[in-house]
Amino acid sequence: MKNSLGTIGLCRRAGKLIFGFDAVKDEVMKPASKVSGVVIADDLSDKSKKEVNFICGKYGKAVCAPGVTMDEIKGVIGKYTGILGILDDGLFRSISKQTETINNRSGDIE
């Protein structure tokens, strides 16, 4: 969804975005994690999707797939990545509203 790309760009400009598997994983696993949810690209490998879903499920973080590719994400944030951690509840809710929520942490975001 192209609206999701705009929101991802807004997250980047606002400093509410982390990206890359290791950075997102480390932040999700922190006791005082600021990650509201994780966004994954459609063309992310199945292995990476499985790992993200496992970690986010274990730590109670929602995962959504807004129908964007890693190339589209690169066009918005300037980095080629397929895993994004959103650090703001409202911005993550905006992305997840328009998309398929894969792993819902508490039922409040769909």
PDB file of N, CA and C in Angstrom:
ATOM      1  N   MET A   1       0.842  -1.190   0.000  1.00  0.00           N
ATOM      2  CA  MET A   1       0.000   0.000   0.000  1.00  0.00           C
ATOM      3  C   MET A   1       0.883   1.247   0.000  1.00  0.00           C
ATOM      4  N   LYS A   2       0.581   2.126  -0.891  1.00  0.00           N
ATOM      5  CA  LYS A   2       1.422   3.313  -1.045  1.00  0.00           C
ATOM      6  C   LYS A   2       1.271   4.280   0.126  1.00  0.00           C
ATOM      7  N   ASN A   3       0.110   4.302   0.793  1.00  0.00           N
ATOM      8  CA  ASN A   3      -0.040   5.136   1.983  1.00  0.00           C
ATOM      9  C   ASN A   3       0.906   4.686   3.074  1.00  0.00           C
ATOM     10  N   SER A   4       1.153   3.386   3.147  1.00  0.00           N
ATOM     11  CA  SER A   4       2.079   2.847   4.135  1.00  0.00           C
ATOM     12  C   SER A   4       3.479   3.389   3.890  1.00  0.00           C
ATOM     13  N   LEU A   5       3.870   3.522   2.633  1.00  0.00           N
ATOM     14  CA  LEU A   5       5.192   4.064   2.324  1.00  0.00           C
ATOM     15  C   LEU A   5       5.332   5.488   2.826  1.00  0.00           C
ATOM     16  N   GLY A   6       4.288   6.282   2.683  1.00  0.00           N
ATOM     17  CA  GLY A   6       4.320   7.654   3.188  1.00  0.00           C
ATOM     18  C   GLY A   6       4.471   7.688   4.696  1.00  0.00           C
ATOM     19  N   THR A   7       3.775   6.790   5.371  1.00  0.00           N
ATOM     20  CA  THR A   7       3.872   6.728   6.826  1.00  0.00           C
ATOM     21  C   THR A   7       5.247   6.237   7.256  1.00  0.00           C
ATOM     22  N   ILE A   8       5.814   5.293   6.522  1.00  0.00           N
ATOM     23  CA  ILE A   8       7.174   4.821   6.817  1.00  0.00           C
ATOM     24  C   ILE A   8       8.175   5.968   6.654  1.00  0.00           C
ATOM     25  N   GLY A   9       8.007   6.760   5.607  1.00  0.00           N
ATOM     26  CA  GLY A   9       8.867   7.933   5.413  1.00  0.00           C
ATOM     27  C   GLY A   9       8.721   8.925   6.557  1.00  0.00           C
ATOM     28  N   LEU A  10       7.507   9.118   7.026  1.00  0.00           N
ATOM     29  CA  LEU A  10       7.258  10.007   8.160  1.00  0.00           C
ATOM     30  C   LEU A  10       7.953   9.482   9.416  1.00  0.00           C
ATOM     31  N   CYS A  11       7.880   8.168   9.616  1.00  0.00           N
ATOM     32  CA  CYS A  11       8.571   7.552  10.766  1.00  0.00           C
ATOM     33  C   CYS A  11      10.068   7.830  10.697  1.00  0.00           C
ATOM     34  N   ARG A  12      10.640   7.693   9.518  1.00  0.00           N
ATOM     35  CA  ARG A  12      12.079   7.930   9.330  1.00  0.00           C
ATOM     36  C   ARG A  12      12.436   9.368   9.674  1.00  0.00           C
ATOM     37  N   ARG A  13      11.662  10.321   9.143  1.00  0.00           N
ATOM     38  CA  ARG A  13      11.948  11.737   9.390  1.00  0.00           C
ATOM     39  C   ARG A  13      11.753  12.113  10.849  1.00  0.00           C
ATOM     40  N   ALA A  14      10.827  11.432  11.530  1.00  0.00           N
ATOM     41  CA  ALA A  14      10.538  11.727  12.935  1.00  0.00           C
ATOM     42  C   ALA A  14      11.482  10.999  13.893  1.00  0.00           C
ATOM     43  N   GLY A  15      12.356  10.148  13.346  1.00  0.00           N
ATOM     44  CA  GLY A  15      13.264   9.391  14.200  1.00  0.00           C
ATOM     45  C   GLY A  15      12.572   8.267  14.950  1.00  0.00           C
ATOM     46  N   LYS A  16      11.478   7.770  14.406  1.00  0.00           N
ATOM     47  CA  LYS A  16      10.683   6.717  15.040  1.00  0.00           C
ATOM     48  C   LYS A  16      10.789   5.403  14.279  1.00  0.00           C
ATOM     49  N   LEU A  17      11.951   5.150  13.676  1.00  0.00           N
ATOM     50  CA  LEU A  17      12.124   3.976  12.833  1.00  0.00           C
ATOM     51  C   LEU A  17      13.500   3.366  13.069  1.00  0.00           C
ATOM     52  N   ILE A  18      13.515   2.049  13.233  1.00  0.00           N
ATOM     53  CA  ILE A  18      14.769   1.310  13.197  1.00  0.00           C
ATOM     54  C   ILE A  18      14.612   0.255  12.114  1.00  0.00           C
ATOM     55  N   PHE A  19      15.715  -0.164  11.516  1.00  0.00           N
ATOM     56  CA  PHE A  19      15.588  -1.101  10.408  1.00  0.00           C
ATOM     57  C   PHE A  19      16.733  -2.090  10.410  1.00  0.00           C
ATOM     58  N   GLY A  20      16.471  -3.222   9.782  1.00  0.00           N
ATOM     59  CA  GLY A  20      17.433  -4.310   9.738  1.00  0.00           C
ATOM     60  C   GLY A  20      17.101  -5.342  10.798  1.00  0.00           C
ATOM     61  N   PHE A  21      17.323  -6.609  10.476  1.00  0.00           N
ATOM     62  CA  PHE A  21      16.943  -7.691  11.377  1.00  0.00           C
ATOM     63  C   PHE A  21      17.581  -7.561  12.748  1.00  0.00           C
ATOM     64  N   ASP A  22      18.898  -7.394  12.799  1.00  0.00           N
ATOM     65  CA  ASP A  22      19.590  -7.365  14.090  1.00  0.00           C
ATOM     66  C   ASP A  22      19.161  -6.187  14.960  1.00  0.00           C
ATOM     67  N   ALA A  23      19.056  -5.006  14.375  1.00  0.00           N
ATOM     68  CA  ALA A  23      18.665  -3.817  15.144  1.00  0.00           C
ATOM     69  C   ALA A  23      17.246  -3.954  15.690  1.00  0.00           C
ATOM     70  N   VAL A  24      16.335  -4.439  14.858  1.00  0.00           N
ATOM     71  CA  VAL A  24      14.947  -4.608  15.289  1.00  0.00           C
ATOM     72  C   VAL A  24      14.860  -5.696  16.361  1.00  0.00           C
ATOM     73  N   LYS A  25      15.533  -6.812  16.129  1.00  0.00           N
ATOM     74  CA  LYS A  25      15.530  -7.919  17.094  1.00  0.00           C
ATOM     75  C   LYS A  25      16.058  -7.457  18.452  1.00  0.00           C
ATOM     76  N   ASP A  26      17.179  -6.748  18.458  1.00  0.00           N
ATOM     77  CA  ASP A  26      17.766  -6.266  19.719  1.00  0.00           C
ATOM     78  C   ASP A  26      16.805  -5.339  20.457  1.00  0.00           C
ATOM     79  N   GLU A  27      16.136  -4.449  19.730  1.00  0.00           N
ATOM     80  CA  GLU A  27      15.207  -3.513  20.378  1.00  0.00           C
ATOM     81  C   GLU A  27      13.964  -4.235  20.890  1.00  0.00           C
ATOM     82  N   VAL A  28      13.433  -5.179  20.126  1.00  0.00           N
ATOM     83  CA  VAL A  28      12.246  -5.935  20.551  1.00  0.00           C
ATOM     84  C   VAL A  28      12.543  -6.712  21.824  1.00  0.00           C
ATOM     85  N   MET A  29      13.758  -7.238  21.950  1.00  0.00           N
ATOM     86  CA  MET A  29      14.115  -8.082  23.088  1.00  0.00           C
ATOM     87  C   MET A  29      14.456  -7.293  24.355  1.00  0.00           C
ATOM     88  N   LYS A  30      14.603  -5.978  24.267  1.00  0.00           N
ATOM     89  CA  LYS A  30      14.909  -5.169  25.447  1.00  0.00           C
ATOM     90  C   LYS A  30      13.719  -5.179  26.401  1.00  0.00           C
ATOM     91  N   PRO A  31      13.983  -5.196  27.703  1.00  0.00           N
ATOM     92  CA  PRO A  31      12.878  -5.155  28.675  1.00  0.00           C
ATOM     93  C   PRO A  31      11.997  -3.908  28.530  1.00  0.00           C
ATOM     94  N   ALA A  32      12.605  -2.785  28.227  1.00  0.00           N
ATOM     95  CA  ALA A  32      11.837  -1.544  28.061  1.00  0.00           C
ATOM     96  C   ALA A  32      11.785  -1.166  26.579  1.00  0.00           C
ATOM     97  N   SER A  33      11.418  -2.112  25.733  1.00  0.00           N
ATOM     98  CA  SER A  33      11.398  -1.906  24.293  1.00  0.00           C
ATOM     99  C   SER A  33      10.433  -0.794  23.896  1.00  0.00           C
ATOM    100  N   LYS A  34      10.879   0.029  22.966  1.00  0.00           N
ATOM    101  CA  LYS A  34      10.038   1.115  22.451  1.00  0.00           C
ATOM    102  C   LYS A  34       9.322   0.743  21.160  1.00  0.00           C
ATOM    103  N   VAL A  35       9.537  -0.481  20.686  1.00  0.00           N
ATOM    104  CA  VAL A  35       8.936  -0.913  19.414  1.00  0.00           C
ATOM    105  C   VAL A  35       7.431  -1.100  19.587  1.00  0.00           C
ATOM    106  N   SER A  36       6.665  -0.376  18.795  1.00  0.00           N
ATOM    107  CA  SER A  36       5.209  -0.531  18.798  1.00  0.00           C
ATOM    108  C   SER A  36       4.792  -1.709  17.940  1.00  0.00           C
ATOM    109  N   GLY A  37       5.526  -1.954  16.874  1.00  0.00           N
ATOM    110  CA  GLY A  37       5.244  -3.063  15.979  1.00  0.00           C
ATOM    111  C   GLY A  37       6.305  -3.158  14.907  1.00  0.00           C
ATOM    112  N   VAL A  38       6.292  -4.260  14.187  1.00  0.00           N
ATOM    113  CA  VAL A  38       7.291  -4.525  13.153  1.00  0.00           C
ATOM    114  C   VAL A  38       6.595  -4.641  11.810  1.00  0.00           C
ATOM    115  N   VAL A  39       7.186  -4.018  10.807  1.00  0.00           N
ATOM    116  CA  VAL A  39       6.690  -4.059   9.435  1.00  0.00           C
ATOM    117  C   VAL A  39       7.669  -4.886   8.616  1.00  0.00           C
ATOM    118  N   ILE A  40       7.130  -5.817   7.824  1.00  0.00           N
ATOM    119  CA  ILE A  40       7.985  -6.631   6.961  1.00  0.00           C
ATOM    120  C   ILE A  40       7.588  -6.440   5.500  1.00  0.00           C
ATOM    121  N   ALA A  41       8.587  -6.519   4.635  1.00  0.00           N
ATOM    122  CA  ALA A  41       8.365  -6.381   3.194  1.00  0.00           C
ATOM    123  C   ALA A  41       7.829  -7.688   2.618  1.00  0.00           C
ATOM    124  N   ASP A  42       7.092  -7.580   1.531  1.00  0.00           N
ATOM    125  CA  ASP A  42       6.530  -8.756   0.867  1.00  0.00           C
ATOM    126  C   ASP A  42       7.604  -9.699   0.333  1.00  0.00           C
ATOM    127  N   ASP A  43       8.710  -9.151  -0.124  1.00  0.00           N
ATOM    128  CA  ASP A  43       9.740  -9.988  -0.725  1.00  0.00           C
ATOM    129  C   ASP A  43      10.838 -10.401   0.260  1.00  0.00           C
ATOM    130  N   LEU A  44      10.565 -10.291   1.542  1.00  0.00           N
ATOM    131  CA  LEU A  44      11.480 -10.786   2.567  1.00  0.00           C
ATOM    132  C   LEU A  44      11.496 -12.314   2.494  1.00  0.00           C
ATOM    133  N   SER A  45      12.637 -12.922   2.759  1.00  0.00           N
ATOM    134  CA  SER A  45      12.733 -14.382   2.672  1.00  0.00           C
ATOM    135  C   SER A  45      11.813 -15.047   3.698  1.00  0.00           C
ATOM    136  N   ASP A  46      11.352 -16.240   3.370  1.00  0.00           N
ATOM    137  CA  ASP A  46      10.481 -16.980   4.283  1.00  0.00           C
ATOM    138  C   ASP A  46      11.172 -17.240   5.613  1.00  0.00           C
ATOM    139  N   LYS A  47      12.460 -17.519   5.573  1.00  0.00           N
ATOM    140  CA  LYS A  47      13.225 -17.766   6.799  1.00  0.00           C
ATOM    141  C   LYS A  47      13.212 -16.527   7.700  1.00  0.00           C
ATOM    142  N   SER A  48      13.449 -15.368   7.115  1.00  0.00           N
ATOM    143  CA  SER A  48      13.447 -14.125   7.899  1.00  0.00           C
ATOM    144  C   SER A  48      12.059 -13.819   8.441  1.00  0.00           C
ATOM    145  N   LYS A  49      11.026 -14.046   7.624  1.00  0.00           N
ATOM    146  CA  LYS A  49       9.649 -13.830   8.094  1.00  0.00           C
ATOM    147  C   LYS A  49       9.354 -14.718   9.300  1.00  0.00           C
ATOM    148  N   LYS A  50       9.780 -15.978   9.207  1.00  0.00           N
ATOM    149  CA  LYS A  50       9.549 -16.924  10.299  1.00  0.00           C
ATOM    150  C   LYS A  50      10.259 -16.471  11.572  1.00  0.00           C
ATOM    151  N   GLU A  51      11.505 -16.026  11.444  1.00  0.00           N
ATOM    152  CA  GLU A  51      12.266 -15.565  12.607  1.00  0.00           C
ATOM    153  C   GLU A  51      11.644 -14.318  13.227  1.00  0.00           C
ATOM    154  N   VAL A  52      11.237 -13.367  12.390  1.00  0.00           N
ATOM    155  CA  VAL A  52      10.604 -12.143  12.897  1.00  0.00           C
ATOM    156  C   VAL A  52       9.312 -12.487  13.626  1.00  0.00           C
ATOM    157  N   ASN A  53       8.489 -13.329  13.028  1.00  0.00           N
ATOM    158  CA  ASN A  53       7.232 -13.714  13.670  1.00  0.00           C
ATOM    159  C   ASN A  53       7.467 -14.421  14.998  1.00  0.00           C
ATOM    160  N   PHE A  54       8.484 -15.270  15.062  1.00  0.00           N
ATOM    161  CA  PHE A  54       8.791 -15.982  16.301  1.00  0.00           C
ATOM    162  C   PHE A  54       9.218 -15.000  17.404  1.00  0.00           C
ATOM    163  N   ILE A  55      10.158 -14.123  17.088  1.00  0.00           N
ATOM    164  CA  ILE A  55      10.661 -13.178  18.096  1.00  0.00           C
ATOM    165  C   ILE A  55       9.564 -12.222  18.539  1.00  0.00           C
ATOM    166  N   CYS A  56       8.814 -11.688  17.582  1.00  0.00           N
ATOM    167  CA  CYS A  56       7.753 -10.742  17.937  1.00  0.00           C
ATOM    168  C   CYS A  56       6.642 -11.427  18.731  1.00  0.00           C
ATOM    169  N   GLY A  57       6.327 -12.660  18.383  1.00  0.00           N
ATOM    170  CA  GLY A  57       5.333 -13.411  19.142  1.00  0.00           C
ATOM    171  C   GLY A  57       5.791 -13.648  20.563  1.00  0.00           C
ATOM    172  N   LYS A  58       7.042 -13.979  20.726  1.00  0.00           N
ATOM    173  CA  LYS A  58       7.611 -14.251  22.046  1.00  0.00           C
ATOM    174  C   LYS A  58       7.595 -13.007  22.935  1.00  0.00           C
ATOM    175  N   TYR A  59       7.824 -11.839  22.339  1.00  0.00           N
ATOM    176  CA  TYR A  59       7.906 -10.600  23.112  1.00  0.00           C
ATOM    177  C   TYR A  59       6.658  -9.715  22.980  1.00  0.00           C
ATOM    178  N   GLY A  60       5.601 -10.253  22.385  1.00  0.00           N
ATOM    179  CA  GLY A  60       4.319  -9.551  22.347  1.00  0.00           C
ATOM    180  C   GLY A  60       4.259  -8.339  21.444  1.00  0.00           C
ATOM    181  N   LYS A  61       4.926  -8.392  20.309  1.00  0.00           N
ATOM    182  CA  LYS A  61       4.906  -7.279  19.356  1.00  0.00           C
ATOM    183  C   LYS A  61       4.154  -7.692  18.094  1.00  0.00           C
ATOM    184  N   ALA A  62       3.352  -6.791  17.581  1.00  0.00           N
ATOM    185  CA  ALA A  62       2.587  -7.054  16.365  1.00  0.00           C
ATOM    186  C   ALA A  62       3.494  -6.974  15.138  1.00  0.00           C
ATOM    187  N   VAL A  63       3.178  -7.794  14.136  1.00  0.00           N
ATOM    188  CA  VAL A  63       3.899  -7.787  12.863  1.00  0.00           C
ATOM    189  C   VAL A  63       2.875  -7.567  11.759  1.00  0.00           C
ATOM    190  N   CYS A  64       3.181  -6.659  10.829  1.00  0.00           N
ATOM    191  CA  CYS A  64       2.272  -6.475   9.700  1.00  0.00           C
ATOM    192  C   CYS A  64       3.054  -6.415   8.398  1.00  0.00           C
ATOM    193  N   ALA A  65       2.360  -6.774   7.329  1.00  0.00           N
ATOM    194  CA  ALA A  65       2.940  -6.775   5.980  1.00  0.00           C
ATOM    195  C   ALA A  65       2.093  -5.854   5.105  1.00  0.00           C
ATOM    196  N   PRO A  66       2.527  -4.601   4.900  1.00  0.00           N
ATOM    197  CA  PRO A  66       1.702  -3.633   4.174  1.00  0.00           C
ATOM    198  C   PRO A  66       1.706  -3.755   2.665  1.00  0.00           C
ATOM    199  N   GLY A  67       2.306  -4.808   2.122  1.00  0.00           N
ATOM    200  CA  GLY A  67       2.285  -4.988   0.670  1.00  0.00           C
ATOM    201  C   GLY A  67       3.288  -4.132  -0.062  1.00  0.00           C
ATOM    202  N   VAL A  68       4.434  -3.890   0.548  1.00  0.00           N
ATOM    203  CA  VAL A  68       5.494  -3.119  -0.095  1.00  0.00           C
ATOM    204  C   VAL A  68       6.730  -4.003  -0.240  1.00  0.00           C
ATOM    205  N   THR A  69       7.572  -3.669  -1.193  1.00  0.00           N
ATOM    206  CA  THR A  69       8.791  -4.436  -1.428  1.00  0.00           C
ATOM    207  C   THR A  69       9.991  -3.717  -0.805  1.00  0.00           C
ATOM    208  N   MET A  70      11.102  -4.433  -0.732  1.00  0.00           N
ATOM    209  CA  MET A  70      12.327  -3.833  -0.194  1.00  0.00           C
ATOM    210  C   MET A  70      12.809  -2.684  -1.083  1.00  0.00           C
ATOM    211  N   ASP A  71      12.615  -2.795  -2.390  1.00  0.00           N
ATOM    212  CA  ASP A  71      12.994  -1.702  -3.293  1.00  0.00           C
ATOM    213  C   ASP A  71      12.165  -0.447  -3.014  1.00  0.00           C
ATOM    214  N   GLU A  72      10.871  -0.633  -2.764  1.00  0.00           N
ATOM    215  CA  GLU A  72      10.006   0.516  -2.450  1.00  0.00           C
ATOM    216  C   GLU A  72      10.417   1.148  -1.123  1.00  0.00           C
ATOM    217  N   ILE A  73      10.748   0.318  -0.150  1.00  0.00           N
ATOM    218  CA  ILE A  73      11.209   0.838   1.143  1.00  0.00           C
ATOM    219  C   ILE A  73      12.502   1.625   0.954  1.00  0.00           C
ATOM    220  N   LYS A  74      13.417   1.084   0.139  1.00  0.00           N
ATOM    221  CA  LYS A  74      14.678   1.783  -0.126  1.00  0.00           C
ATOM    222  C   LYS A  74      14.420   3.152  -0.745  1.00  0.00           C
ATOM    223  N   GLY A  75      13.445   3.239  -1.612  1.00  0.00           N
ATOM    224  CA  GLY A  75      13.112   4.517  -2.235  1.00  0.00           C
ATOM    225  C   GLY A  75      12.627   5.556  -1.234  1.00  0.00           C
ATOM    226  N   VAL A  76      12.065   5.098  -0.125  1.00  0.00           N
ATOM    227  CA  VAL A  76      11.522   6.008   0.879  1.00  0.00           C
ATOM    228  C   VAL A  76      12.539   6.353   1.969  1.00  0.00           C
ATOM    229  N   ILE A  77      13.265   5.347   2.465  1.00  0.00           N
ATOM    230  CA  ILE A  77      14.172   5.610   3.593  1.00  0.00           C
ATOM    231  C   ILE A  77      15.648   5.635   3.200  1.00  0.00           C
ATOM    232  N   GLY A  78      15.957   5.209   1.970  1.00  0.00           N
ATOM    233  CA  GLY A  78      17.335   5.251   1.517  1.00  0.00           C
ATOM    234  C   GLY A  78      18.171   4.046   1.901  1.00  0.00           C
ATOM    235  N   LYS A  79      17.564   3.043   2.501  1.00  0.00           N
ATOM    236  CA  LYS A  79      18.280   1.818   2.884  1.00  0.00           C
ATOM    237  C   LYS A  79      17.506   0.615   2.375  1.00  0.00           C
ATOM    238  N   TYR A  80      18.231  -0.364   1.853  1.00  0.00           N
ATOM    239  CA  TYR A  80      17.607  -1.583   1.349  1.00  0.00           C
ATOM    240  C   TYR A  80      17.394  -2.528   2.526  1.00  0.00           C
ATOM    241  N   THR A  81      16.165  -2.646   2.967  1.00  0.00           N
ATOM    242  CA  THR A  81      15.842  -3.493   4.111  1.00  0.00           C
ATOM    243  C   THR A  81      14.419  -4.003   3.990  1.00  0.00           C
ATOM    244  N   GLY A  82      14.140  -5.086   4.669  1.00  0.00           N
ATOM    245  CA  GLY A  82      12.796  -5.657   4.627  1.00  0.00           C
ATOM    246  C   GLY A  82      12.158  -5.771   5.996  1.00  0.00           C
ATOM    247  N   ILE A  83      12.864  -5.294   7.032  1.00  0.00           N
ATOM    248  CA  ILE A  83      12.357  -5.377   8.402  1.00  0.00           C
ATOM    249  C   ILE A  83      12.483  -4.010   9.044  1.00  0.00           C
ATOM    250  N   LEU A  84      11.344  -3.467   9.488  1.00  0.00           N
ATOM    251  CA  LEU A  84      11.311  -2.141  10.089  1.00  0.00           C
ATOM    252  C   LEU A  84      10.652  -2.205  11.462  1.00  0.00           C
ATOM    253  N   GLY A  85      11.256  -1.572  12.433  1.00  0.00           N
ATOM    254  CA  GLY A  85      10.646  -1.444  13.753  1.00  0.00           C
ATOM    255  C   GLY A  85      10.091  -0.038  13.883  1.00  0.00           C
ATOM    256  N   ILE A  86       8.800   0.067  14.158  1.00  0.00           N
ATOM    257  CA  ILE A  86       8.145   1.370  14.304  1.00  0.00           C
ATOM    258  C   ILE A  86       8.094   1.696  15.794  1.00  0.00           C
ATOM    259  N   LEU A  87       8.568   2.896  16.162  1.00  0.00           N
ATOM    260  CA  LEU A  87       8.700   3.270  17.562  1.00  0.00           C
ATOM    261  C   LEU A  87       7.604   4.223  18.032  1.00  0.00           C
ATOM    262  N   ASP A  88       6.464   4.210  17.372  1.00  0.00           N
ATOM    263  CA  ASP A  88       5.359   5.091  17.742  1.00  0.00           C
ATOM    264  C   ASP A  88       4.044   4.345  17.525  1.00  0.00           C
ATOM    265  N   ASP A  89       3.211   4.282  18.567  1.00  0.00           N
ATOM    266  CA  ASP A  89       1.947   3.542  18.480  1.00  0.00           C
ATOM    267  C   ASP A  89       1.023   4.075  17.393  1.00  0.00           C
ATOM    268  N   GLY A  90       0.875   5.382  17.313  1.00  0.00           N
ATOM    269  CA  GLY A  90      -0.029   5.971  16.334  1.00  0.00           C
ATOM    270  C   GLY A  90       0.424   5.723  14.899  1.00  0.00           C
ATOM    271  N   LEU A  91       1.713   5.849  14.655  1.00  0.00           N
ATOM    272  CA  LEU A  91       2.231   5.614  13.310  1.00  0.00           C
ATOM    273  C   LEU A  91       2.119   4.138  12.938  1.00  0.00           C
ATOM    274  N   PHE A  92       2.393   3.239  13.882  1.00  0.00           N
ATOM    275  CA  PHE A  92       2.241   1.817  13.576  1.00  0.00           C
ATOM    276  C   PHE A  92       0.773   1.474  13.336  1.00  0.00           C
ATOM    277  N   ARG A  93      -0.109   2.052  14.115  1.00  0.00           N
ATOM    278  CA  ARG A  93      -1.540   1.810  13.930  1.00  0.00           C
ATOM    279  C   ARG A  93      -1.984   2.279  12.544  1.00  0.00           C
ATOM    280  N   SER A  94      -1.436   3.408  12.103  1.00  0.00           N
ATOM    281  CA  SER A  94      -1.765   3.930  10.774  1.00  0.00           C
ATOM    282  C   SER A  94      -1.332   2.952   9.675  1.00  0.00           C
ATOM    283  N   ILE A  95      -0.153   2.368   9.810  1.00  0.00           N
ATOM    284  CA  ILE A  95       0.326   1.400   8.824  1.00  0.00           C
ATOM    285  C   ILE A  95      -0.497   0.121   8.891  1.00  0.00           C
ATOM    286  N   SER A  96      -0.727  -0.377  10.092  1.00  0.00           N
ATOM    287  CA  SER A  96      -1.396  -1.673  10.234  1.00  0.00           C
ATOM    288  C   SER A  96      -2.878  -1.616   9.894  1.00  0.00           C
ATOM    289  N   LYS A  97      -3.487  -0.436   9.976  1.00  0.00           N
ATOM    290  CA  LYS A  97      -4.896  -0.281   9.624  1.00  0.00           C
ATOM    291  C   LYS A  97      -5.154  -0.627   8.161  1.00  0.00           C
ATOM    292  N   GLN A  98      -4.194  -0.327   7.320  1.00  0.00           N
ATOM    293  CA  GLN A  98      -4.352  -0.501   5.880  1.00  0.00           C
ATOM    294  C   GLN A  98      -3.812  -1.831   5.394  1.00  0.00           C
ATOM    295  N   THR A  99      -3.484  -2.718   6.286  1.00  0.00           N
ATOM    296  CA  THR A  99      -2.732  -3.895   5.867  1.00  0.00           C
ATOM    297  C   THR A  99      -3.150  -5.152   6.605  1.00  0.00           C
ATOM    298  N   GLU A 100      -2.547  -6.235   6.211  1.00  0.00           N
ATOM    299  CA  GLU A 100      -2.750  -7.525   6.858  1.00  0.00           C
ATOM    300  C   GLU A 100      -1.883  -7.573   8.115  1.00  0.00           C
ATOM    301  N   THR A 101      -2.495  -7.796   9.264  1.00  0.00           N
ATOM    302  CA  THR A 101      -1.726  -7.962  10.488  1.00  0.00           C
ATOM    303  C   THR A 101      -1.460  -9.448  10.659  1.00  0.00           C
ATOM    304  N   ILE A 102      -0.197  -9.805  10.717  1.00  0.00           N
ATOM    305  CA  ILE A 102       0.196 -11.202  10.767  1.00  0.00           C
ATOM    306  C   ILE A 102       0.179 -11.735  12.191  1.00  0.00           C
ATOM    307  N   ASN A 103       0.687 -10.942  13.096  1.00  0.00           N
ATOM    308  CA  ASN A 103       0.824 -11.376  14.479  1.00  0.00           C
ATOM    309  C   ASN A 103       0.360 -10.218  15.340  1.00  0.00           C
ATOM    310  N   ASN A 104      -0.762 -10.366  15.990  1.00  0.00           N
ATOM    311  CA  ASN A 104      -1.340  -9.277  16.759  1.00  0.00           C
ATOM    312  C   ASN A 104      -1.054  -9.466  18.232  1.00  0.00           C
ATOM    313  N   ARG A 105      -0.390  -8.481  18.837  1.00  0.00           N
ATOM    314  CA  ARG A 105       0.065  -8.641  20.219  1.00  0.00           C
ATOM    315  C   ARG A 105      -1.060  -8.660  21.236  1.00  0.00           C
ATOM    316  N   SER A 106      -2.129  -7.895  21.030  1.00  0.00           N
ATOM    317  CA  SER A 106      -3.157  -7.828  22.060  1.00  0.00           C
ATOM    318  C   SER A 106      -4.562  -7.647  21.532  1.00  0.00           C
ATOM    319  N   GLY A 107      -4.721  -7.656  20.236  1.00  0.00           N
ATOM    320  CA  GLY A 107      -6.061  -7.526  19.665  1.00  0.00           C
ATOM    321  C   GLY A 107      -6.479  -6.092  19.416  1.00  0.00           C
ATOM    322  N   ASP A 108      -5.655  -5.102  19.802  1.00  0.00           N
ATOM    323  CA  ASP A 108      -6.072  -3.726  19.649  1.00  0.00           C
ATOM    324  C   ASP A 108      -5.644  -3.117  18.314  1.00  0.00           C
ATOM    325  N   ILE A 109      -4.775  -3.779  17.586  1.00  0.00           N
ATOM    326  CA  ILE A 109      -4.332  -3.260  16.295  1.00  0.00           C
ATOM    327  C   ILE A 109      -4.712  -4.248  15.216  1.00  0.00           C
ATOM    328  N   GLU A 110      -5.453  -3.816  14.247  1.00  0.00           N
ATOM    329  CA  GLU A 110      -5.855  -4.706  13.147  1.00  0.00           C
ATOM    330  C   GLU A 110      -5.694  -3.994  11.843  1.00  0.00           C
TER     331      GLU A 110
END
